[in-house]
Amino acid sequence: MTGMFGSGFHMSAQRNSCECVDSKEEALQRKHDLLLDFFSRHDPEQATEEQVSGLMEKWKGKLGKLYMELAIKYGKAFVTFDGIKDEL
C-alpha cells in the first residue's frame, strides 16, 4: 500500500504504531496472531491455524502484498471510502 499512498505516510504511521520485538520468531508469531484475529473478525471460516499457517508460508517474504490483497477483498468491512469507487 505504501506504493499507492507514499513513503511519508508509511513512515509516519510506523513511528506512531510500531511495537518492536526482540526476535524474528516473535515478529512472525505476532503476524500470525494478527492474521488469525483478522480472519476471526472478517471471515471466521478462514480463522484456523491451518489456514493462517498456510498463508504465512505461501506469502513468506511478501506479507505486505498479502495485507494489500486482504484490504482489497475485505476493505469495505473496515474502511470507509468517500467519493472513491469501492474497489481500490
N, C-alpha and C. Protein backbone atom coordinates (compact mmCIF):
# COMPACT_ATOMS: atom_id res chain seq x y z
N MET A 1 0.82 -1.19 0.00
CA MET A 1 0.00 0.00 0.00
C MET A 1 0.86 1.25 0.00
N THR A 2 2.11 1.11 0.49
CA THR A 2 3.00 2.26 0.51
C THR A 2 3.20 2.82 -0.89
N GLY A 3 3.27 1.94 -1.89
CA GLY A 3 3.43 2.39 -3.26
C GLY A 3 2.29 3.27 -3.72
N MET A 4 1.10 3.03 -3.18
CA MET A 4 -0.06 3.83 -3.56
C MET A 4 -0.12 5.15 -2.80
N PHE A 5 0.22 5.12 -1.53
CA PHE A 5 0.00 6.29 -0.68
C PHE A 5 1.26 7.07 -0.34
N GLY A 6 2.40 6.55 -0.65
CA GLY A 6 3.64 7.28 -0.43
C GLY A 6 4.37 6.87 0.83
N SER A 7 5.68 6.97 0.76
CA SER A 7 6.50 6.52 1.88
C SER A 7 6.39 7.43 3.09
N GLY A 8 6.10 8.71 2.91
CA GLY A 8 5.96 9.62 4.05
C GLY A 8 4.83 9.19 4.97
N PHE A 9 3.73 8.81 4.36
CA PHE A 9 2.59 8.31 5.12
C PHE A 9 2.99 7.05 5.90
N HIS A 10 3.68 6.15 5.23
CA HIS A 10 4.10 4.90 5.86
C HIS A 10 5.03 5.16 7.04
N MET A 11 6.03 5.99 6.86
CA MET A 11 6.99 6.25 7.93
C MET A 11 6.31 6.91 9.13
N SER A 12 5.39 7.83 8.88
CA SER A 12 4.67 8.48 9.96
C SER A 12 3.83 7.48 10.74
N ALA A 13 3.13 6.62 10.02
CA ALA A 13 2.30 5.61 10.68
C ALA A 13 3.17 4.63 11.47
N GLN A 14 4.31 4.25 10.94
CA GLN A 14 5.21 3.33 11.64
C GLN A 14 5.68 3.92 12.95
N ARG A 15 6.08 5.19 12.93
CA ARG A 15 6.56 5.84 14.16
C ARG A 15 5.47 5.85 15.23
N ASN A 16 4.21 6.04 14.80
CA ASN A 16 3.11 6.15 15.75
C ASN A 16 2.57 4.81 16.23
N SER A 17 2.83 3.72 15.52
CA SER A 17 2.18 2.47 15.89
C SER A 17 3.11 1.27 16.02
N CYS A 18 4.36 1.40 15.70
CA CYS A 18 5.28 0.26 15.71
C CYS A 18 5.54 -0.21 17.14
N GLU A 19 5.52 -1.52 17.30
CA GLU A 19 5.91 -2.16 18.56
C GLU A 19 7.07 -3.09 18.24
N CYS A 20 8.26 -2.71 18.63
CA CYS A 20 9.44 -3.51 18.32
C CYS A 20 9.44 -4.79 19.15
N VAL A 21 10.00 -5.84 18.57
CA VAL A 21 10.13 -7.13 19.27
C VAL A 21 11.59 -7.54 19.24
N ASP A 22 11.92 -8.52 20.07
CA ASP A 22 13.31 -8.92 20.24
C ASP A 22 13.81 -9.96 19.24
N SER A 23 12.89 -10.65 18.56
CA SER A 23 13.36 -11.72 17.68
C SER A 23 12.45 -11.86 16.47
N LYS A 24 13.00 -12.49 15.43
CA LYS A 24 12.22 -12.77 14.23
C LYS A 24 11.07 -13.72 14.55
N GLU A 25 11.32 -14.66 15.45
CA GLU A 25 10.27 -15.61 15.83
C GLU A 25 9.09 -14.89 16.46
N GLU A 26 9.38 -13.93 17.35
CA GLU A 26 8.30 -13.18 17.98
C GLU A 26 7.56 -12.32 16.95
N ALA A 27 8.30 -11.75 16.02
CA ALA A 27 7.66 -10.95 14.96
C ALA A 27 6.74 -11.82 14.11
N LEU A 28 7.21 -13.01 13.74
CA LEU A 28 6.37 -13.93 12.95
C LEU A 28 5.14 -14.37 13.73
N GLN A 29 5.30 -14.61 15.02
CA GLN A 29 4.15 -15.00 15.84
C GLN A 29 3.12 -13.88 15.90
N ARG A 30 3.59 -12.65 16.02
CA ARG A 30 2.66 -11.52 16.04
C ARG A 30 1.92 -11.38 14.71
N LYS A 31 2.62 -11.59 13.62
CA LYS A 31 1.98 -11.52 12.31
C LYS A 31 0.95 -12.65 12.17
N HIS A 32 1.30 -13.83 12.65
CA HIS A 32 0.38 -14.96 12.65
C HIS A 32 -0.88 -14.61 13.45
N ASP A 33 -0.67 -14.09 14.66
CA ASP A 33 -1.80 -13.74 15.53
C ASP A 33 -2.66 -12.63 14.91
N LEU A 34 -2.02 -11.68 14.24
CA LEU A 34 -2.74 -10.61 13.56
C LEU A 34 -3.66 -11.18 12.48
N LEU A 35 -3.13 -12.10 11.67
CA LEU A 35 -3.94 -12.72 10.62
C LEU A 35 -5.08 -13.55 11.22
N LEU A 36 -4.81 -14.29 12.27
CA LEU A 36 -5.85 -15.09 12.91
C LEU A 36 -6.96 -14.19 13.44
N ASP A 37 -6.59 -13.09 14.07
CA ASP A 37 -7.57 -12.13 14.58
C ASP A 37 -8.35 -11.49 13.43
N PHE A 38 -7.65 -11.12 12.36
CA PHE A 38 -8.29 -10.51 11.20
C PHE A 38 -9.38 -11.44 10.65
N PHE A 39 -9.02 -12.71 10.43
CA PHE A 39 -10.00 -13.65 9.89
C PHE A 39 -11.12 -13.91 10.90
N SER A 40 -10.83 -13.94 12.17
CA SER A 40 -11.87 -14.11 13.19
C SER A 40 -12.94 -13.03 13.07
N ARG A 41 -12.49 -11.83 12.72
CA ARG A 41 -13.42 -10.69 12.60
C ARG A 41 -14.12 -10.63 11.25
N HIS A 42 -13.40 -10.96 10.18
CA HIS A 42 -13.91 -10.68 8.83
C HIS A 42 -14.27 -11.92 8.01
N ASP A 43 -13.81 -13.09 8.39
CA ASP A 43 -14.12 -14.31 7.65
C ASP A 43 -13.87 -15.51 8.57
N PRO A 44 -14.74 -15.70 9.58
CA PRO A 44 -14.49 -16.71 10.61
C PRO A 44 -14.19 -18.11 10.10
N GLU A 45 -14.73 -18.49 8.95
CA GLU A 45 -14.43 -19.82 8.42
C GLU A 45 -12.96 -19.99 8.08
N GLN A 46 -12.28 -18.88 7.80
CA GLN A 46 -10.85 -18.92 7.46
C GLN A 46 -9.95 -18.79 8.68
N ALA A 47 -10.54 -18.57 9.85
CA ALA A 47 -9.78 -18.33 11.08
C ALA A 47 -9.34 -19.63 11.73
N THR A 48 -8.48 -20.37 11.02
CA THR A 48 -7.94 -21.62 11.56
C THR A 48 -6.42 -21.55 11.55
N GLU A 49 -5.82 -22.31 12.44
CA GLU A 49 -4.36 -22.38 12.47
C GLU A 49 -3.82 -22.86 11.12
N GLU A 50 -4.46 -23.86 10.56
CA GLU A 50 -4.01 -24.41 9.27
C GLU A 50 -4.06 -23.36 8.16
N GLN A 51 -5.15 -22.62 8.09
CA GLN A 51 -5.30 -21.60 7.05
C GLN A 51 -4.25 -20.49 7.21
N VAL A 52 -4.12 -19.99 8.43
CA VAL A 52 -3.19 -18.89 8.68
C VAL A 52 -1.75 -19.34 8.47
N SER A 53 -1.39 -20.52 8.95
CA SER A 53 -0.03 -21.03 8.74
C SER A 53 0.25 -21.22 7.25
N GLY A 54 -0.73 -21.71 6.51
CA GLY A 54 -0.58 -21.86 5.07
C GLY A 54 -0.36 -20.54 4.37
N LEU A 55 -1.11 -19.52 4.77
CA LEU A 55 -0.93 -18.19 4.17
C LEU A 55 0.44 -17.61 4.52
N MET A 56 0.86 -17.81 5.77
CA MET A 56 2.18 -17.31 6.18
C MET A 56 3.28 -17.94 5.33
N GLU A 57 3.16 -19.22 5.05
CA GLU A 57 4.15 -19.91 4.23
C GLU A 57 4.07 -19.47 2.77
N LYS A 58 2.86 -19.43 2.24
CA LYS A 58 2.66 -19.05 0.84
C LYS A 58 3.16 -17.65 0.55
N TRP A 59 2.95 -16.73 1.48
CA TRP A 59 3.31 -15.32 1.27
C TRP A 59 4.61 -14.94 1.99
N LYS A 60 5.40 -15.94 2.37
CA LYS A 60 6.66 -15.69 3.07
C LYS A 60 7.50 -14.68 2.29
N GLY A 61 7.95 -13.64 2.98
CA GLY A 61 8.75 -12.60 2.34
C GLY A 61 7.92 -11.56 1.59
N LYS A 62 6.59 -11.76 1.53
CA LYS A 62 5.72 -10.83 0.81
C LYS A 62 4.44 -10.57 1.60
N LEU A 63 4.52 -10.55 2.92
CA LEU A 63 3.31 -10.38 3.72
C LEU A 63 2.64 -9.04 3.46
N GLY A 64 3.40 -8.03 3.11
CA GLY A 64 2.81 -6.74 2.77
C GLY A 64 1.83 -6.86 1.61
N LYS A 65 2.19 -7.67 0.63
CA LYS A 65 1.31 -7.91 -0.51
C LYS A 65 0.06 -8.68 -0.08
N LEU A 66 0.22 -9.63 0.83
CA LEU A 66 -0.94 -10.34 1.36
C LEU A 66 -1.88 -9.36 2.06
N TYR A 67 -1.33 -8.47 2.88
CA TYR A 67 -2.16 -7.49 3.58
C TYR A 67 -2.92 -6.62 2.58
N MET A 68 -2.27 -6.26 1.49
CA MET A 68 -2.93 -5.47 0.46
C MET A 68 -4.07 -6.27 -0.17
N GLU A 69 -3.84 -7.53 -0.47
CA GLU A 69 -4.90 -8.37 -1.05
C GLU A 69 -6.08 -8.50 -0.09
N LEU A 70 -5.78 -8.63 1.20
CA LEU A 70 -6.86 -8.71 2.19
C LEU A 70 -7.62 -7.39 2.30
N ALA A 71 -6.90 -6.28 2.21
CA ALA A 71 -7.56 -4.97 2.24
C ALA A 71 -8.48 -4.80 1.04
N ILE A 72 -8.05 -5.26 -0.12
CA ILE A 72 -8.89 -5.17 -1.31
C ILE A 72 -10.13 -6.05 -1.16
N LYS A 73 -9.94 -7.27 -0.67
CA LYS A 73 -11.05 -8.21 -0.57
C LYS A 73 -12.04 -7.84 0.54
N TYR A 74 -11.53 -7.43 1.70
CA TYR A 74 -12.38 -7.21 2.86
C TYR A 74 -12.50 -5.74 3.25
N GLY A 75 -11.85 -4.85 2.53
CA GLY A 75 -11.76 -3.44 2.92
C GLY A 75 -13.07 -2.76 3.20
N LYS A 76 -14.11 -3.10 2.46
CA LYS A 76 -15.40 -2.44 2.68
C LYS A 76 -15.92 -2.67 4.09
N ALA A 77 -15.45 -3.71 4.75
CA ALA A 77 -15.90 -4.01 6.11
C ALA A 77 -15.23 -3.11 7.16
N PHE A 78 -14.09 -2.50 6.83
CA PHE A 78 -13.39 -1.71 7.85
C PHE A 78 -12.82 -0.39 7.35
N VAL A 79 -13.03 -0.05 6.07
CA VAL A 79 -12.57 1.23 5.53
C VAL A 79 -13.75 1.91 4.87
N THR A 80 -13.93 3.19 5.16
CA THR A 80 -14.99 3.97 4.52
C THR A 80 -14.37 4.81 3.42
N PHE A 81 -14.84 4.59 2.20
CA PHE A 81 -14.37 5.36 1.06
C PHE A 81 -15.35 6.49 0.79
N ASP A 82 -14.87 7.70 0.66
CA ASP A 82 -15.72 8.85 0.39
C ASP A 82 -15.38 9.40 -0.98
N GLY A 83 -16.27 9.21 -1.94
CA GLY A 83 -16.04 9.71 -3.28
C GLY A 83 -15.11 8.85 -4.09
N ILE A 84 -14.86 7.62 -3.65
CA ILE A 84 -13.96 6.71 -4.36
C ILE A 84 -14.72 5.40 -4.59
N LYS A 85 -14.51 4.79 -5.74
CA LYS A 85 -15.14 3.50 -6.01
C LYS A 85 -14.79 2.52 -4.90
N ASP A 86 -15.67 1.57 -4.65
CA ASP A 86 -15.44 0.56 -3.62
C ASP A 86 -14.17 -0.23 -3.86
N GLU A 87 -13.80 -0.44 -5.12
CA GLU A 87 -12.57 -1.18 -5.42
C GLU A 87 -11.39 -0.24 -5.30
N LEU A 88 -10.25 -0.76 -4.88
CA LEU A 88 -9.04 0.07 -4.81
C LEU A 88 -8.44 0.18 -6.17
